Amino acid sequence: MSEIRIVAEMEVLPEHRDALMPVLQALVDGSRGEAGNISYELTQDLSNVYRFFVIETWASQQAIDEHNVTPHFRTFVAFTEGKLKHMSINLLKKVF
């Protein structure tokens, strides 16, 4: 199976943005260290400081499954409970 890309979009509620930043830093750092991770980037919308996109590339679905049970990912999921205005996750494959 080919690489899997993920684009996760989230908009944090304004009152939680500052507290979320170290959690996001730990998520990025931990994810980049995983064996199945090819790239992991946190980006911010230029017109909305509360809107973030995580752009990820994984070697396989197994790598994603392993990522989803790591402490840094589980901490992120627990922390964001009730603190996001919106979140969407898109799994993608390269066409060309």
Protein backbone atom coordinates (compact mmCIF):
# COMPACT_ATOMS: atom_id res chain seq x y z
CA MET A 1 0.00 0.00 0.00
CA SER A 2 1.22 3.50 -0.75
CA GLU A 3 1.69 6.34 1.68
CA ILE A 4 -1.33 7.88 3.35
CA ARG A 5 -1.64 11.60 3.84
CA ILE A 6 -3.82 13.26 6.40
CA VAL A 7 -4.99 16.85 6.50
CA ALA A 8 -6.60 17.58 9.84
CA GLU A 9 -8.28 20.96 10.27
CA MET A 10 -9.17 22.33 13.68
CA GLU A 11 -10.40 25.60 15.03
CA VAL A 12 -9.76 26.06 18.73
CA LEU A 13 -12.03 28.15 20.90
CA PRO A 14 -10.24 31.46 21.59
CA GLU A 15 -10.03 30.99 25.35
CA HIS A 16 -8.12 27.69 24.91
CA ARG A 17 -5.59 28.66 22.23
CA ASP A 18 -2.68 29.51 24.53
CA ALA A 19 -3.08 26.32 26.57
CA LEU A 20 -3.28 24.23 23.39
CA MET A 21 0.06 25.38 21.97
CA PRO A 22 2.36 23.25 24.19
CA VAL A 23 0.09 20.23 23.61
CA LEU A 24 0.41 20.77 19.85
CA GLN A 25 4.19 21.12 20.18
CA ALA A 26 4.37 17.80 22.03
CA LEU A 27 2.13 16.20 19.39
CA VAL A 28 4.32 17.40 16.54
CA ASP A 29 7.58 16.43 18.25
CA GLY A 30 6.32 13.00 19.26
CA SER A 31 4.77 12.26 15.89
CA ARG A 32 7.90 13.21 13.98
CA GLY A 33 9.81 10.66 16.05
CA GLU A 34 7.57 7.75 15.11
CA ALA A 35 9.01 5.08 12.83
CA GLY A 36 6.10 5.18 10.36
CA ASN A 37 5.96 8.96 10.07
CA ILE A 38 7.32 10.53 6.90
CA SER A 39 6.35 14.14 7.62
CA TYR A 40 4.27 16.02 10.17
CA GLU A 41 3.63 19.75 9.98
CA LEU A 42 1.47 22.09 12.00
CA THR A 43 0.31 25.12 10.02
CA GLN A 44 -1.86 28.09 10.95
CA ASP A 45 -4.39 29.94 8.84
CA LEU A 46 -3.03 33.39 7.94
CA SER A 47 -6.43 35.02 8.43
CA ASN A 48 -7.56 33.18 11.58
CA VAL A 49 -5.07 32.51 14.42
CA TYR A 50 -7.46 29.97 15.95
CA ARG A 51 -7.53 27.73 12.86
CA PHE A 52 -4.81 25.12 12.36
CA PHE A 53 -4.06 22.42 9.83
CA VAL A 54 -1.93 19.38 10.55
CA ILE A 55 -0.47 17.97 7.35
CA GLU A 56 0.84 14.44 7.83
CA THR A 57 2.34 11.71 5.68
CA TRP A 58 2.45 8.14 6.98
CA ALA A 59 4.06 5.03 5.54
CA SER A 60 0.92 2.89 5.99
CA GLN A 61 -2.42 2.48 7.73
CA GLN A 62 -0.60 0.42 10.35
CA ALA A 63 1.64 3.41 11.10
CA ILE A 64 -1.47 5.58 11.58
CA ASP A 65 -3.04 2.96 13.84
CA GLU A 66 0.12 2.86 15.95
CA HIS A 67 0.20 6.68 16.05
CA ASN A 68 -3.38 6.81 17.30
CA VAL A 69 -2.47 4.98 20.53
CA THR A 70 0.70 6.92 21.39
CA PRO A 71 0.76 8.99 24.59
CA HIS A 72 1.31 12.27 22.71
CA PHE A 73 -1.71 11.65 20.44
CA ARG A 74 -3.96 10.48 23.28
CA THR A 75 -2.97 13.53 25.35
CA PHE A 76 -3.90 15.78 22.43
CA VAL A 77 -7.29 14.07 21.97
CA ALA A 78 -8.08 14.29 25.70
CA PHE A 79 -6.98 17.92 25.92
CA THR A 80 -9.07 19.10 22.97
CA GLU A 81 -12.29 17.56 24.29
CA GLY A 82 -14.77 20.46 24.40
CA LYS A 83 -12.14 23.03 23.39
CA LEU A 84 -12.56 23.01 19.61
CA LYS A 85 -15.09 24.89 17.54
CA HIS A 86 -14.53 22.55 14.60
CA MET A 87 -12.39 19.59 13.56
CA SER A 88 -12.24 17.56 10.37
CA ILE A 89 -9.85 14.80 9.34
CA ASN A 90 -9.26 13.93 5.70
CA LEU A 91 -7.33 10.80 4.66
CA LEU A 92 -5.81 11.18 1.21
CA LYS A 93 -3.78 9.22 -1.30
CA LYS A 94 -1.51 10.64 -3.94
CA VAL A 95 -2.97 10.41 -7.42
CA PHE A 96 -0.08 11.75 -9.53
